[in-house]
Protein backbone atom coordinates (compact mmCIF):
# COMPACT_ATOMS: atom_id res chain seq x y z
CA MET A 1 66.97 -44.33 -29.52
CA ILE A 2 65.53 -42.77 -26.53
CA LEU A 3 63.13 -39.47 -26.93
CA GLN A 4 63.42 -37.84 -23.82
CA ASN A 5 61.02 -35.17 -21.78
CA ALA A 6 58.65 -35.30 -24.80
CA GLU A 7 55.21 -33.99 -24.94
CA ILE A 8 53.69 -37.17 -26.93
CA VAL A 9 50.28 -37.15 -28.58
CA THR A 10 48.38 -40.18 -28.41
CA ARG A 11 44.77 -40.80 -28.85
CA ASP A 12 44.14 -40.16 -25.26
CA GLY A 13 45.28 -36.57 -25.59
CA VAL A 14 49.14 -35.22 -24.71
CA LYS A 15 51.22 -36.16 -21.86
CA LEU A 16 55.01 -35.92 -20.81
CA ALA A 17 56.96 -39.42 -21.74
CA ASP A 18 59.86 -40.65 -22.76
CA VAL A 19 60.26 -42.83 -26.22
CA THR A 20 62.11 -46.26 -26.17
CA VAL A 21 62.79 -47.01 -29.74
CA GLU A 22 64.54 -50.56 -30.65
CA ASN A 23 64.76 -52.44 -33.96
CA GLY A 24 62.82 -49.70 -35.79
CA ARG A 25 59.36 -49.73 -33.35
CA ILE A 26 58.47 -48.49 -30.00
CA ALA A 27 59.52 -50.28 -27.56
CA LYS A 28 58.41 -48.32 -24.21
CA ILE A 29 56.43 -45.06 -23.39
CA SER A 30 57.22 -44.09 -19.91
CA SER A 31 56.46 -41.22 -17.76
CA CYS A 32 59.47 -42.50 -15.45
CA PRO A 33 62.68 -41.24 -16.77
CA ARG A 34 65.30 -44.01 -17.00
CA ALA A 35 69.06 -43.93 -17.31
CA THR A 36 70.23 -44.06 -20.80
CA LYS A 37 72.54 -46.98 -22.05
CA ARG A 38 76.05 -45.80 -23.42
CA ASP A 39 74.92 -46.95 -26.66
CA GLU A 40 71.98 -45.06 -27.16
CA LEU A 41 71.30 -42.16 -29.29
CA VAL A 42 69.49 -39.55 -27.25
CA LEU A 43 67.01 -36.73 -28.25
CA ASP A 44 66.24 -34.29 -25.69
CA CYS A 45 62.95 -33.37 -26.95
CA ARG A 46 62.07 -30.89 -23.93
CA GLY A 47 59.80 -28.10 -24.75
CA LEU A 48 58.78 -30.06 -28.15
CA THR A 49 55.50 -32.60 -29.13
CA VAL A 50 55.96 -35.58 -30.74
CA PHE A 51 53.28 -36.62 -33.11
CA PRO A 52 52.96 -40.03 -34.79
CA GLY A 53 54.51 -39.76 -38.35
CA LEU A 54 52.33 -37.91 -40.37
CA ILE A 55 50.73 -39.40 -43.56
CA ASP A 56 49.95 -38.26 -46.79
CA MET A 57 47.40 -40.18 -48.93
CA HIS A 58 47.02 -37.66 -51.64
CA VAL A 59 50.48 -36.42 -52.99
CA HIS A 60 51.81 -35.77 -56.84
CA LEU A 61 55.26 -36.91 -57.13
CA ARG A 62 55.77 -36.57 -61.01
CA GLU A 63 58.08 -39.24 -61.67
CA PRO A 64 57.92 -40.71 -63.97
CA GLY A 65 57.52 -38.25 -67.09
CA PHE A 66 57.56 -34.80 -65.31
CA GLU A 67 60.64 -34.48 -63.19
CA ARG A 68 61.01 -30.94 -64.39
CA LYS A 69 58.61 -30.34 -61.65
CA GLU A 70 59.20 -32.73 -59.06
CA ASP A 71 60.92 -35.99 -59.16
CA ILE A 72 60.71 -38.95 -56.06
CA ALA A 73 63.85 -37.66 -54.53
CA SER A 74 63.19 -34.38 -54.36
CA GLY A 75 59.25 -35.05 -52.98
CA SER A 76 60.59 -37.23 -50.58
CA ARG A 77 63.10 -34.61 -49.38
CA ALA A 78 60.06 -31.82 -49.09
CA ALA A 79 58.22 -34.82 -47.57
CA VAL A 80 60.35 -35.56 -44.64
CA LYS A 81 61.11 -31.91 -43.84
CA GLY A 82 57.17 -31.30 -43.61
CA GLY A 83 57.02 -33.87 -41.18
CA PHE A 84 55.56 -36.87 -43.35
CA THR A 85 57.15 -40.24 -42.65
CA GLN A 86 54.65 -41.69 -45.34
CA ILE A 87 53.11 -40.88 -48.73
CA CYS A 88 50.94 -41.80 -51.46
CA CYS A 89 51.54 -40.70 -54.91
CA MET A 90 48.65 -40.20 -57.44
CA PRO A 91 48.76 -41.95 -61.02
CA ASN A 92 48.66 -39.01 -63.20
CA THR A 93 52.39 -39.70 -64.42
CA ASP A 94 53.49 -40.56 -67.97
CA PRO A 95 53.36 -43.51 -68.19
CA VAL A 96 50.21 -43.55 -66.17
CA ILE A 97 50.59 -45.90 -62.91
CA ASP A 98 47.67 -48.29 -64.91
CA ASN A 99 50.26 -51.70 -64.49
CA LYS A 100 52.42 -53.50 -62.15
CA VAL A 101 55.60 -52.21 -64.11
CA VAL A 102 54.88 -48.75 -63.16
CA ALA A 103 53.75 -49.57 -59.76
CA SER A 104 57.38 -51.87 -59.01
CA TYR A 105 59.16 -48.91 -60.37
CA ILE A 106 57.77 -46.54 -58.32
CA THR A 107 58.48 -48.31 -54.85
CA ALA A 108 61.75 -49.51 -55.83
CA ARG A 109 63.03 -46.15 -56.55
CA ALA A 110 61.15 -45.27 -53.36
CA LYS A 111 63.54 -47.38 -51.54
CA GLU A 112 66.49 -46.16 -53.79
CA VAL A 113 66.26 -42.70 -52.32
CA GLY A 114 65.26 -44.09 -48.62
CA LEU A 115 63.92 -41.45 -47.07
CA CYS A 116 60.02 -41.43 -46.40
CA LYS A 117 57.52 -44.83 -46.98
CA ILE A 118 56.35 -44.36 -50.41
CA HIS A 119 52.76 -46.01 -51.65
CA PRO A 120 51.63 -45.71 -55.23
CA ILE A 121 48.09 -45.53 -55.85
CA GLY A 122 46.90 -47.42 -59.30
CA ALA A 123 44.84 -45.88 -61.82
CA ILE A 124 41.43 -46.90 -62.09
CA THR A 125 41.32 -46.88 -65.92
CA LYS A 126 44.00 -47.91 -68.69
CA GLY A 127 45.64 -44.60 -69.37
CA GLN A 128 43.03 -42.82 -67.23
CA ARG A 129 41.01 -42.51 -70.42
CA GLY A 130 37.84 -44.18 -68.58
CA GLU A 131 37.28 -46.29 -71.09
CA GLU A 132 38.17 -49.99 -69.66
CA LEU A 133 39.77 -51.01 -66.16
CA ALA A 134 43.26 -50.92 -65.50
CA ALA A 135 45.36 -54.19 -64.22
CA ILE A 136 44.25 -53.99 -60.98
CA GLY A 137 45.29 -57.23 -59.82
CA GLY A 138 48.53 -56.74 -61.15
CA MET A 139 49.30 -53.22 -59.53
CA LYS A 140 47.92 -54.59 -56.06
CA ALA A 141 51.10 -57.32 -56.24
CA ALA A 142 53.22 -54.79 -57.18
CA GLY A 143 52.16 -52.50 -54.04
CA VAL A 144 49.55 -50.33 -54.67
CA VAL A 145 47.41 -48.82 -51.93
CA ALA A 146 44.26 -47.72 -53.94
CA LEU A 147 42.92 -46.81 -57.19
CA SER A 148 42.22 -43.19 -58.23
CA GLU A 149 41.54 -41.54 -61.79
CA ASP A 150 42.79 -38.29 -59.65
CA GLY A 151 42.63 -35.22 -61.63
CA LYS A 152 39.62 -36.27 -63.32
CA SER A 153 36.41 -38.55 -62.72
CA VAL A 154 35.08 -41.72 -64.61
CA GLN A 155 32.21 -40.37 -66.26
CA ASN A 156 30.94 -43.98 -67.25
CA SER A 157 28.41 -44.88 -64.12
CA LYS A 158 28.70 -48.53 -64.75
CA LEU A 159 32.69 -48.43 -65.36
CA MET A 160 32.60 -46.94 -61.67
CA ALA A 161 30.53 -49.07 -60.16
CA ASN A 162 32.94 -52.01 -61.72
CA ALA A 163 35.76 -50.35 -60.89
CA MET A 164 34.65 -50.28 -57.18
CA LEU A 165 33.09 -53.71 -57.17
CA TYR A 166 36.96 -55.26 -58.53
CA ALA A 167 38.94 -52.54 -56.13
CA SER A 168 36.95 -54.46 -53.11
CA ASP A 169 37.81 -57.82 -54.70
CA PHE A 170 41.28 -57.21 -54.23
CA GLY A 171 40.88 -55.02 -50.77
CA LEU A 172 41.55 -51.53 -52.65
CA LYS A 173 39.23 -48.21 -52.69
CA CYS A 174 38.49 -46.18 -54.83
CA LEU A 175 39.66 -42.16 -54.28
CA CYS A 176 37.46 -40.00 -56.07
CA HIS A 177 38.19 -37.04 -57.86
CA CYS A 178 34.85 -35.49 -58.26
CA GLU A 179 34.19 -33.19 -61.02
CA ASP A 180 31.69 -33.35 -64.03
CA PRO A 181 33.42 -31.64 -66.76
CA ALA A 182 30.74 -30.89 -68.77
CA LEU A 183 29.60 -28.41 -65.40
CA SER A 184 33.17 -27.24 -64.93
CA ASP A 185 33.68 -26.74 -68.77
CA GLY A 186 37.33 -25.30 -68.71
CA ALA A 187 36.81 -22.94 -65.81
CA SER A 188 39.81 -21.95 -63.71
CA VAL A 189 37.96 -20.53 -60.90
CA ASN A 190 34.71 -20.70 -58.34
CA GLU A 191 31.52 -19.40 -60.05
CA GLY A 192 30.68 -15.84 -57.96
CA TYR A 193 31.40 -12.56 -56.50
CA TYR A 194 34.83 -12.68 -57.58
CA SER A 195 34.92 -14.69 -61.08
CA THR A 196 32.88 -11.63 -61.90
CA LEU A 197 35.07 -9.34 -60.62
CA THR A 198 38.14 -10.61 -62.25
CA GLY A 199 36.25 -11.82 -65.72
CA LEU A 200 38.05 -15.57 -65.14
CA LYS A 201 35.80 -18.06 -65.98
CA GLY A 202 33.89 -19.39 -63.21
CA SER A 203 32.98 -23.06 -62.33
CA LEU A 204 29.69 -23.96 -60.34
CA ARG A 205 30.01 -25.95 -57.13
CA ALA A 206 27.33 -28.45 -58.55
CA ALA A 207 30.01 -29.52 -61.24
CA GLU A 208 31.94 -31.33 -57.67
CA ASP A 209 28.68 -32.04 -55.79
CA VAL A 210 27.22 -34.11 -58.68
CA MET A 211 29.55 -36.37 -59.01
CA ILE A 212 30.12 -36.44 -54.95
CA ALA A 213 26.56 -37.50 -55.10
CA ARG A 214 27.02 -40.22 -57.63
CA GLU A 215 29.79 -41.90 -55.65
CA LEU A 216 28.03 -41.66 -52.70
CA LEU A 217 24.75 -43.45 -54.12
CA LEU A 218 26.83 -46.36 -56.11
CA ALA A 219 28.79 -46.70 -52.74
CA GLU A 220 25.26 -47.12 -50.99
CA SER A 221 23.93 -49.22 -53.76
CA LEU A 222 26.50 -51.76 -53.96
CA ASP A 223 27.64 -51.28 -50.02
CA LEU A 224 31.07 -50.89 -50.61
CA PRO A 225 33.52 -48.21 -49.54
CA VAL A 226 34.33 -45.12 -51.39
CA HIS A 227 36.85 -41.98 -50.46
CA ILE A 228 35.83 -38.86 -51.88
CA CYS A 229 39.21 -36.35 -52.81
CA HIS A 230 39.78 -32.51 -51.60
CA VAL A 231 36.12 -31.71 -50.58
CA SER A 232 36.02 -28.05 -50.97
CA THR A 233 31.58 -27.28 -51.19
CA TYR A 234 29.35 -26.65 -48.28
CA SER A 235 26.94 -28.61 -50.48
CA GLY A 236 29.66 -31.43 -50.82
CA VAL A 237 29.97 -31.71 -47.24
CA GLN A 238 26.50 -31.89 -46.51
CA LEU A 239 26.12 -34.63 -49.03
CA ILE A 240 28.94 -36.43 -47.50
CA ARG A 241 27.72 -35.99 -43.68
CA GLU A 242 24.04 -37.02 -44.67
CA ALA A 243 25.26 -40.53 -46.11
CA LYS A 244 27.14 -41.11 -43.26
CA ALA A 245 24.38 -40.70 -41.25
CA ARG A 246 22.80 -43.22 -43.34
CA GLY A 247 25.61 -45.93 -42.79
CA VAL A 248 27.08 -45.33 -46.14
CA LYS A 249 30.83 -46.27 -46.23
CA VAL A 250 32.26 -43.11 -47.12
CA THR A 251 35.61 -41.43 -46.06
CA ALA A 252 36.55 -37.79 -46.83
CA GLU A 253 39.42 -35.61 -47.38
CA THR A 254 40.49 -31.98 -47.61
CA CYS A 255 43.25 -29.99 -47.75
CA PRO A 256 44.80 -26.47 -46.03
CA HIS A 257 43.58 -24.04 -48.80
CA TYR A 258 40.28 -25.26 -48.43
CA PHE A 259 40.07 -24.13 -45.01
CA ILE A 260 42.13 -21.38 -44.91
CA LEU A 261 41.53 -19.81 -48.03
CA THR A 262 38.88 -17.84 -50.36
CA ASP A 263 37.99 -17.54 -53.98
CA GLU A 264 39.01 -13.89 -52.74
CA ALA A 265 42.32 -14.75 -53.21
CA ILE A 266 42.29 -14.76 -56.66
CA LYS A 267 41.36 -11.20 -57.16
CA ASN A 268 45.24 -10.34 -57.75
CA PHE A 269 45.22 -12.93 -60.56
CA ASP A 270 48.42 -14.88 -58.50
CA THR A 271 48.34 -18.18 -60.46
CA ASN A 272 49.52 -20.08 -57.28
CA THR A 273 45.62 -19.94 -55.96
CA LYS A 274 44.69 -21.91 -59.11
CA VAL A 275 43.71 -25.24 -57.94
CA ASN A 276 41.51 -27.94 -58.74
CA PRO A 277 38.54 -27.84 -57.20
CA PRO A 278 38.85 -23.86 -57.06
CA LEU A 279 38.87 -21.49 -53.75
CA ARG A 280 35.66 -21.52 -52.96
CA ALA A 281 33.43 -19.13 -51.14
CA GLU A 282 33.25 -18.39 -47.14
CA LYS A 283 30.43 -20.40 -46.77
CA ASP A 284 32.15 -23.27 -47.83
CA ARG A 285 35.31 -22.56 -46.29
CA LEU A 286 33.43 -22.55 -42.68
CA ALA A 287 31.53 -25.49 -43.87
CA VAL A 288 34.96 -27.44 -44.58
CA ILE A 289 35.77 -26.57 -41.11
CA GLU A 290 32.62 -27.74 -39.50
CA GLY A 291 33.38 -30.77 -41.66
CA LEU A 292 36.33 -31.22 -39.84
CA LYS A 293 35.37 -30.75 -36.48
CA ASP A 294 32.56 -32.92 -36.23
CA GLY A 295 34.23 -35.81 -38.27
CA THR A 296 32.57 -35.56 -41.75
CA ILE A 297 35.85 -35.24 -43.19
CA ASP A 298 38.19 -37.48 -42.07
CA CYS A 299 41.47 -36.43 -42.88
CA ILE A 300 43.83 -32.92 -44.00
CA VAL A 301 45.89 -34.14 -47.45
CA THR A 302 48.11 -31.78 -49.42
CA ASP A 303 47.16 -32.41 -52.57
CA HIS A 304 50.71 -31.78 -53.35
CA ALA A 305 51.00 -30.82 -56.77
CA PRO A 306 54.45 -29.11 -57.82
CA HIS A 307 54.68 -27.41 -60.83
CA HIS A 308 57.97 -25.90 -62.92
CA ALA A 309 57.43 -21.76 -62.76
CA ASP A 310 56.97 -21.60 -66.62
CA ASP A 311 53.87 -23.67 -65.82
CA LYS A 312 52.58 -20.78 -63.35
CA ASN A 313 54.46 -17.50 -64.85
CA VAL A 314 51.39 -17.20 -67.93
CA GLU A 315 48.11 -16.00 -68.15
CA TYR A 316 45.60 -17.08 -65.30
CA ALA A 317 43.34 -19.07 -67.55
CA LEU A 318 46.42 -20.98 -68.95
CA ALA A 319 48.24 -21.95 -65.73
CA ALA A 320 48.65 -25.18 -64.19
CA PHE A 321 46.44 -26.56 -61.41
CA GLY A 322 47.85 -26.57 -58.14
CA ILE A 323 49.80 -25.90 -54.91
CA SER A 324 53.15 -27.37 -53.56
CA GLY A 325 52.12 -28.13 -49.85
CA LEU A 326 54.51 -30.84 -48.27
CA GLU A 327 56.37 -28.63 -46.62
CA THR A 328 53.64 -26.04 -44.95
CA SER A 329 50.71 -28.64 -44.58
CA PHE A 330 51.20 -29.29 -40.45
CA ALA A 331 52.06 -26.00 -39.66
CA LEU A 332 49.02 -24.17 -41.97
CA SER A 333 47.13 -27.02 -40.61
CA TYR A 334 48.11 -26.46 -36.66
CA THR A 335 48.01 -22.51 -36.69
CA ALA A 336 44.55 -22.46 -38.33
CA LEU A 337 42.69 -25.24 -36.49
CA VAL A 338 44.48 -25.87 -33.22
CA LYS A 339 45.55 -22.31 -32.34
CA THR A 340 42.34 -21.43 -32.91
CA GLY A 341 41.01 -24.13 -30.74
CA LEU A 342 39.23 -25.85 -33.18
CA LEU A 343 40.74 -29.05 -32.87
CA THR A 344 43.07 -30.72 -30.11
CA PRO A 345 46.29 -31.76 -31.11
CA ALA A 346 45.09 -35.27 -30.67
CA GLN A 347 42.37 -34.71 -33.40
CA LEU A 348 44.52 -32.90 -35.48
CA ALA A 349 47.24 -36.18 -35.44
CA GLU A 350 44.09 -38.38 -36.15
CA LYS A 351 43.08 -36.24 -39.43
CA MET A 352 47.29 -36.17 -40.43
CA SER A 353 48.03 -39.74 -39.19
CA GLY A 354 45.47 -42.16 -37.88
CA ALA A 355 42.58 -41.58 -40.38
CA PRO A 356 44.79 -41.73 -43.61
CA ALA A 357 46.51 -45.34 -41.93
CA LYS A 358 42.88 -46.88 -41.51
CA ILE A 359 41.59 -45.86 -44.94
CA LEU A 360 44.41 -47.09 -46.71
CA GLY A 361 45.06 -50.10 -44.13
CA LEU A 362 48.80 -48.84 -43.65
CA GLU A 363 50.74 -49.68 -40.31
CA GLY A 364 51.34 -46.85 -38.17
CA GLY A 365 49.24 -43.73 -37.44
CA GLU A 366 49.57 -44.11 -33.65
CA LEU A 367 51.97 -43.50 -31.01
CA LYS A 368 51.80 -46.77 -29.09
CA VAL A 369 53.82 -49.80 -28.05
CA GLY A 370 55.08 -52.18 -30.62
CA ALA A 371 53.88 -49.72 -33.46
CA PRO A 372 56.43 -48.73 -35.83
CA ALA A 373 59.06 -45.75 -34.80
CA ASP A 374 57.45 -43.40 -37.44
CA LEU A 375 57.99 -40.04 -35.75
CA THR A 376 57.48 -36.12 -36.19
CA VAL A 377 58.77 -33.84 -33.61
CA VAL A 378 57.97 -30.37 -33.79
CA ASP A 379 58.45 -27.35 -31.71
CA LEU A 380 54.32 -26.05 -31.50
CA ASN A 381 55.60 -22.69 -30.43
CA GLU A 382 57.74 -21.68 -33.05
CA LYS A 383 56.63 -19.02 -35.16
CA TRP A 384 58.25 -19.00 -38.81
CA THR A 385 57.36 -17.63 -41.84
CA VAL A 386 56.57 -19.23 -45.06
CA GLU A 387 59.02 -18.87 -47.98
CA PRO A 388 58.37 -20.77 -51.16
CA ASN A 389 62.19 -20.08 -52.73
CA LYS A 390 63.37 -22.01 -49.66
CA PHE A 391 61.54 -25.25 -50.22
CA VAL A 392 63.11 -28.18 -51.37
CA SER A 393 60.32 -29.29 -53.25
CA LYS A 394 61.24 -28.45 -57.07
CA GLY A 395 57.80 -26.67 -57.07
CA LYS A 396 57.83 -23.18 -55.04
CA ASN A 397 54.16 -22.72 -56.28
CA SER A 398 52.46 -21.85 -52.95
CA PRO A 399 49.92 -18.98 -52.25
CA PHE A 400 50.92 -18.80 -48.83
CA GLY A 401 54.39 -16.95 -48.86
CA GLY A 402 55.00 -14.34 -46.39
CA ARG A 403 52.42 -16.29 -44.14
CA GLU A 404 53.36 -16.41 -40.42
CA VAL A 405 52.47 -20.09 -39.11
CA TYR A 406 53.68 -21.91 -35.88
CA GLY A 407 54.72 -25.60 -35.67
CA LYS A 408 58.48 -25.99 -37.25
CA VAL A 409 59.50 -29.42 -37.68
CA LYS A 410 62.76 -30.39 -35.79
CA TYR A 411 63.06 -33.98 -36.60
CA THR A 412 61.34 -36.73 -39.05
CA VAL A 413 61.82 -40.32 -37.61
CA VAL A 414 60.93 -43.47 -40.24
CA ASP A 415 61.24 -46.86 -38.70
CA GLY A 416 63.53 -45.92 -35.72
CA THR A 417 66.31 -43.70 -38.20
CA ILE A 418 66.25 -39.99 -37.90
CA LYS A 419 65.49 -38.75 -41.63
CA TYR A 420 65.16 -35.26 -41.20
CA GLU A 421 67.14 -32.78 -38.52
CA GLU A 422 66.69 -29.34 -38.93
CA GLN A 423 69.58 -27.35 -39.69
CA THR A 424 70.35 -24.67 -37.29
CA ALA A 425 72.93 -21.94 -38.64
């Protein structure tokens, strides 16, 4: 395959080049056009931009156990439609990914579907009950790339310290959902003006910040790496910034809804705005953007959390947390961060591909000769409207319906094979 006349996004910036793919890898990047061979598939990418294949290190695929919400096949289709070539799935399935059998099932099923690369993330504790460590070695052998109690924090600090030690022994990192449940106390939204206006129970920022601080202090004391999931507070951003300045081995992520929306979005009681951690205030949104700009926050993830309509079509306090995000993440991020001049295309590529690859030790994340031919081909000038009812994900739960965005994925290439091509009428 050869991609001709493409604007390619490298760590050095954007340049016009042809990309030649052989045997699933990038064989050549050349600014000098060459004659094509008869057996080559030629993609004319004039007017299009090629990013390194997007990597989402925080996805919920729901299988096994919750296939009415999503399954590996539908989640994979959503991923490649959104430009993602690799995704990492969280362990809060049924049964929980806390042993090699469930982890092996995920990897085998992903190969059967054969769209994007799927890497399972194992639970830190058995059954995510927070009582004893899961079988970390067996899960590592079965292909898990990290550990997480996603959706909750390990409340026992000694157990969390042991988890970080054991994870490190197997070359894994703990990805930490930071929440003190005694402080969040069953809340649905951020505590502030809009929780008062709506009468919905609010959660203090401290519910997130207290656990961020603990994980940072453990990482510092043990001199081990830790990763902080979906950062949403201004104070959490500052805690991470200060920890990095001290040399703590911390990385962090956030999601499009935290740098685009605020808790003002809850005022109409749209349950699609209910996420955990909750949408915060404008001060928090701006701090998250600043954290992305200065490198405090390393990557952008979706926290793709698809739900059946019945899970959202209830009273706000009873609705499930989460947004279906795989099909909108790139366009939302490009529109909010690059079109506005806050980040460059190369910086966005680092946040959505390069950094996740480095954090989890995955192959890929960069356009260079010899790298896997995982490519996301986008028309950055195409404006389109988010229509959740047209998602290929089973989850149609998005608060971005009707929003105009830029950046339409035209092709998603995995190991040199086109796995998604936009269908035009």
